[in-house]
Amino acid sequence: MDLRDLKLFLHLCDSRYFGRTAKAMHLSPSTLSRQTTGRGCRVNPVFT
């Protein structure tokens, strides 16, 4: 996980909306969804 991934994840947790996070990070909602889905297996062990 790099710094950009962490920023995306934290913003998504804070806003709780893919659309708002995507707009703030200059991404499309589908791109954001793909990025967070692909990294879910790496983020999840941190919080279990």
PDB file of N, CA and C in Angstrom:
ATOM      1  N   MET A   1       0.849  -1.171   0.000  1.00  0.00           N
ATOM      2  CA  MET A   1       0.000   0.000   0.000  1.00  0.00           C
ATOM      3  C   MET A   1       0.894   1.233   0.000  1.00  0.00           C
ATOM      4  N   ASP A   2       0.639   2.134  -0.922  1.00  0.00           N
ATOM      5  CA  ASP A   2       1.419   3.368  -0.968  1.00  0.00           C
ATOM      6  C   ASP A   2       0.597   4.522  -0.393  1.00  0.00           C
ATOM      7  N   LEU A   3       1.181   5.691  -0.398  1.00  0.00           N
ATOM      8  CA  LEU A   3       0.546   6.859   0.220  1.00  0.00           C
ATOM      9  C   LEU A   3      -0.762   7.224  -0.483  1.00  0.00           C
ATOM     10  N   ARG A   4      -0.795   7.120  -1.800  1.00  0.00           N
ATOM     11  CA  ARG A   4      -2.031   7.442  -2.529  1.00  0.00           C
ATOM     12  C   ARG A   4      -3.163   6.485  -2.137  1.00  0.00           C
ATOM     13  N   ASP A   5      -2.849   5.203  -2.003  1.00  0.00           N
ATOM     14  CA  ASP A   5      -3.858   4.223  -1.586  1.00  0.00           C
ATOM     15  C   ASP A   5      -4.411   4.577  -0.212  1.00  0.00           C
ATOM     16  N   LEU A   6      -3.524   4.958   0.676  1.00  0.00           N
ATOM     17  CA  LEU A   6      -3.951   5.323   2.027  1.00  0.00           C
ATOM     18  C   LEU A   6      -4.833   6.566   2.014  1.00  0.00           C
ATOM     19  N   LYS A   7      -4.463   7.557   1.201  1.00  0.00           N
ATOM     20  CA  LYS A   7      -5.280   8.773   1.089  1.00  0.00           C
ATOM     21  C   LYS A   7      -6.669   8.446   0.550  1.00  0.00           C
ATOM     22  N   LEU A   8      -6.733   7.589  -0.481  1.00  0.00           N
ATOM     23  CA  LEU A   8      -8.028   7.192  -1.036  1.00  0.00           C
ATOM     24  C   LEU A   8      -8.871   6.493   0.018  1.00  0.00           C
ATOM     25  N   PHE A   9      -8.261   5.561   0.709  1.00  0.00           N
ATOM     26  CA  PHE A   9      -8.971   4.793   1.727  1.00  0.00           C
ATOM     27  C   PHE A   9      -9.481   5.697   2.848  1.00  0.00           C
ATOM     28  N   LEU A  10      -8.635   6.590   3.346  1.00  0.00           N
ATOM     29  CA  LEU A  10      -9.042   7.476   4.428  1.00  0.00           C
ATOM     30  C   LEU A  10     -10.138   8.447   3.999  1.00  0.00           C
ATOM     31  N   HIS A  11     -10.023   8.961   2.784  1.00  0.00           N
ATOM     32  CA  HIS A  11     -11.060   9.876   2.298  1.00  0.00           C
ATOM     33  C   HIS A  11     -12.381   9.138   2.126  1.00  0.00           C
ATOM     34  N   LEU A  12     -12.314   7.916   1.635  1.00  0.00           N
ATOM     35  CA  LEU A  12     -13.527   7.126   1.464  1.00  0.00           C
ATOM     36  C   LEU A  12     -14.174   6.823   2.811  1.00  0.00           C
ATOM     37  N   CYS A  13     -13.381   6.497   3.797  1.00  0.00           N
ATOM     38  CA  CYS A  13     -13.917   6.255   5.148  1.00  0.00           C
ATOM     39  C   CYS A  13     -14.548   7.514   5.722  1.00  0.00           C
ATOM     40  N   ASP A  14     -13.919   8.637   5.462  1.00  0.00           N
ATOM     41  CA  ASP A  14     -14.404   9.906   5.997  1.00  0.00           C
ATOM     42  C   ASP A  14     -15.699  10.348   5.319  1.00  0.00           C
ATOM     43  N   SER A  15     -15.744  10.258   3.997  1.00  0.00           N
ATOM     44  CA  SER A  15     -16.919  10.749   3.267  1.00  0.00           C
ATOM     45  C   SER A  15     -18.027   9.696   3.166  1.00  0.00           C
ATOM     46  N   ARG A  16     -17.645   8.424   3.170  1.00  0.00           N
ATOM     47  CA  ARG A  16     -18.566   7.283   3.049  1.00  0.00           C
ATOM     48  C   ARG A  16     -19.306   7.223   1.718  1.00  0.00           C
ATOM     49  N   TYR A  17     -18.809   7.968   0.719  1.00  0.00           N
ATOM     50  CA  TYR A  17     -19.427   7.959  -0.604  1.00  0.00           C
ATOM     51  C   TYR A  17     -18.353   7.849  -1.678  1.00  0.00           C
ATOM     52  N   PHE A  18     -18.536   6.866  -2.561  1.00  0.00           N
ATOM     53  CA  PHE A  18     -17.582   6.700  -3.651  1.00  0.00           C
ATOM     54  C   PHE A  18     -17.574   7.915  -4.563  1.00  0.00           C
ATOM     55  N   GLY A  19     -18.734   8.474  -4.845  1.00  0.00           N
ATOM     56  CA  GLY A  19     -18.823   9.620  -5.747  1.00  0.00           C
ATOM     57  C   GLY A  19     -18.069  10.836  -5.240  1.00  0.00           C
ATOM     58  N   ARG A  20     -18.248  11.142  -3.967  1.00  0.00           N
ATOM     59  CA  ARG A  20     -17.553  12.298  -3.378  1.00  0.00           C
ATOM     60  C   ARG A  20     -16.047  12.082  -3.337  1.00  0.00           C
ATOM     61  N   THR A  21     -15.632  10.886  -2.962  1.00  0.00           N
ATOM     62  CA  THR A  21     -14.209  10.582  -2.906  1.00  0.00           C
ATOM     63  C   THR A  21     -13.606  10.611  -4.299  1.00  0.00           C
ATOM     64  N   ALA A  22     -14.297  10.035  -5.262  1.00  0.00           N
ATOM     65  CA  ALA A  22     -13.794  10.019  -6.639  1.00  0.00           C
ATOM     66  C   ALA A  22     -13.627  11.440  -7.163  1.00  0.00           C
ATOM     67  N   LYS A  23     -14.604  12.280  -6.899  1.00  0.00           N
ATOM     68  CA  LYS A  23     -14.520  13.666  -7.361  1.00  0.00           C
ATOM     69  C   LYS A  23     -13.360  14.403  -6.695  1.00  0.00           C
ATOM     70  N   ALA A  24     -13.194  14.208  -5.394  1.00  0.00           N
ATOM     71  CA  ALA A  24     -12.126  14.876  -4.657  1.00  0.00           C
ATOM     72  C   ALA A  24     -10.740  14.402  -5.097  1.00  0.00           C
ATOM     73  N   MET A  25     -10.644  13.132  -5.499  1.00  0.00           N
ATOM     74  CA  MET A  25      -9.352  12.562  -5.893  1.00  0.00           C
ATOM     75  C   MET A  25      -9.147  12.556  -7.412  1.00  0.00           C
ATOM     76  N   HIS A  26     -10.083  13.183  -8.121  1.00  0.00           N
ATOM     77  CA  HIS A  26     -10.001  13.312  -9.583  1.00  0.00           C
ATOM     78  C   HIS A  26      -9.965  11.948 -10.276  1.00  0.00           C
ATOM     79  N   LEU A  27     -10.882  11.082  -9.856  1.00  0.00           N
ATOM     80  CA  LEU A  27     -11.042   9.762 -10.448  1.00  0.00           C
ATOM     81  C   LEU A  27     -12.502   9.562 -10.808  1.00  0.00           C
ATOM     82  N   SER A  28     -12.767   8.582 -11.651  1.00  0.00           N
ATOM     83  CA  SER A  28     -14.154   8.207 -11.883  1.00  0.00           C
ATOM     84  C   SER A  28     -14.558   7.244 -10.765  1.00  0.00           C
ATOM     85  N   PRO A  29     -15.847   7.196 -10.427  1.00  0.00           N
ATOM     86  CA  PRO A  29     -16.277   6.277  -9.371  1.00  0.00           C
ATOM     87  C   PRO A  29     -15.937   4.813  -9.677  1.00  0.00           C
ATOM     88  N   SER A  30     -15.998   4.425 -10.947  1.00  0.00           N
ATOM     89  CA  SER A  30     -15.676   3.036 -11.285  1.00  0.00           C
ATOM     90  C   SER A  30     -14.196   2.738 -11.076  1.00  0.00           C
ATOM     91  N   THR A  31     -13.329   3.706 -11.379  1.00  0.00           N
ATOM     92  CA  THR A  31     -11.897   3.518 -11.146  1.00  0.00           C
ATOM     93  C   THR A  31     -11.614   3.399  -9.653  1.00  0.00           C
ATOM     94  N   LEU A  32     -12.239   4.250  -8.873  1.00  0.00           N
ATOM     95  CA  LEU A  32     -12.064   4.196  -7.424  1.00  0.00           C
ATOM     96  C   LEU A  32     -12.548   2.856  -6.881  1.00  0.00           C
ATOM     97  N   SER A  33     -13.675   2.396  -7.358  1.00  0.00           N
ATOM     98  CA  SER A  33     -14.216   1.121  -6.915  1.00  0.00           C
ATOM     99  C   SER A  33     -13.256  -0.021  -7.225  1.00  0.00           C
ATOM    100  N   ARG A  34     -12.722  -0.030  -8.432  1.00  0.00           N
ATOM    101  CA  ARG A  34     -11.755  -1.070  -8.821  1.00  0.00           C
ATOM    102  C   ARG A  34     -10.502  -1.023  -7.946  1.00  0.00           C
ATOM    103  N   GLN A  35     -10.021   0.176  -7.673  1.00  0.00           N
ATOM    104  CA  GLN A  35      -8.802   0.318  -6.873  1.00  0.00           C
ATOM    105  C   GLN A  35      -9.023  -0.147  -5.436  1.00  0.00           C
ATOM    106  N   THR A  36     -10.148   0.201  -4.857  1.00  0.00           N
ATOM    107  CA  THR A  36     -10.398  -0.203  -3.472  1.00  0.00           C
ATOM    108  C   THR A  36     -10.718  -1.692  -3.377  1.00  0.00           C
ATOM    109  N   THR A  37     -11.400  -2.236  -4.373  1.00  0.00           N
ATOM    110  CA  THR A  37     -11.709  -3.665  -4.369  1.00  0.00           C
ATOM    111  C   THR A  37     -10.439  -4.486  -4.502  1.00  0.00           C
ATOM    112  N   GLY A  38      -9.554  -4.063  -5.362  1.00  0.00           N
ATOM    113  CA  GLY A  38      -8.312  -4.788  -5.566  1.00  0.00           C
ATOM    114  C   GLY A  38      -7.387  -4.731  -4.370  1.00  0.00           C
ATOM    115  N   ARG A  39      -7.526  -3.726  -3.542  1.00  0.00           N
ATOM    116  CA  ARG A  39      -6.647  -3.568  -2.390  1.00  0.00           C
ATOM    117  C   ARG A  39      -7.305  -4.009  -1.093  1.00  0.00           C
ATOM    118  N   GLY A  40      -8.540  -4.463  -1.160  1.00  0.00           N
ATOM    119  CA  GLY A  40      -9.242  -4.873   0.045  1.00  0.00           C
ATOM    120  C   GLY A  40      -8.528  -5.970   0.812  1.00  0.00           C
ATOM    121  N   CYS A  41      -7.918  -6.889   0.103  1.00  0.00           N
ATOM    122  CA  CYS A  41      -7.232  -7.979   0.782  1.00  0.00           C
ATOM    123  C   CYS A  41      -5.987  -7.484   1.508  1.00  0.00           C
ATOM    124  N   ARG A  42      -5.421  -6.370   1.071  1.00  0.00           N
ATOM    125  CA  ARG A  42      -4.240  -5.833   1.751  1.00  0.00           C
ATOM    126  C   ARG A  42      -4.623  -4.905   2.895  1.00  0.00           C
ATOM    127  N   VAL A  43      -5.774  -4.263   2.826  1.00  0.00           N
ATOM    128  CA  VAL A  43      -6.195  -3.339   3.868  1.00  0.00           C
ATOM    129  C   VAL A  43      -6.847  -4.100   5.019  1.00  0.00           C
ATOM    130  N   ASN A  44      -7.637  -5.103   4.720  1.00  0.00           N
ATOM    131  CA  ASN A  44      -8.403  -5.831   5.721  1.00  0.00           C
ATOM    132  C   ASN A  44      -7.557  -6.385   6.871  1.00  0.00           C
ATOM    133  N   PRO A  45      -6.407  -7.030   6.644  1.00  0.00           N
ATOM    134  CA  PRO A  45      -5.651  -7.575   7.779  1.00  0.00           C
ATOM    135  C   PRO A  45      -5.204  -6.516   8.801  1.00  0.00           C
ATOM    136  N   VAL A  46      -5.108  -5.277   8.389  1.00  0.00           N
ATOM    137  CA  VAL A  46      -4.704  -4.224   9.316  1.00  0.00           C
ATOM    138  C   VAL A  46      -5.765  -4.032  10.401  1.00  0.00           C
ATOM    139  N   PHE A  47      -7.020  -4.228  10.058  1.00  0.00           N
ATOM    140  CA  PHE A  47      -8.108  -3.929  10.976  1.00  0.00           C
ATOM    141  C   PHE A  47      -8.714  -5.154  11.633  1.00  0.00           C
ATOM    142  N   THR A  48      -8.173  -6.345  11.395  1.00  0.00           N
ATOM    143  CA  THR A  48      -8.731  -7.543  12.022  1.00  0.00           C
ATOM    144  C   THR A  48      -7.966  -7.928  13.250  1.00  0.00           C
TER     145      THR A  48
END
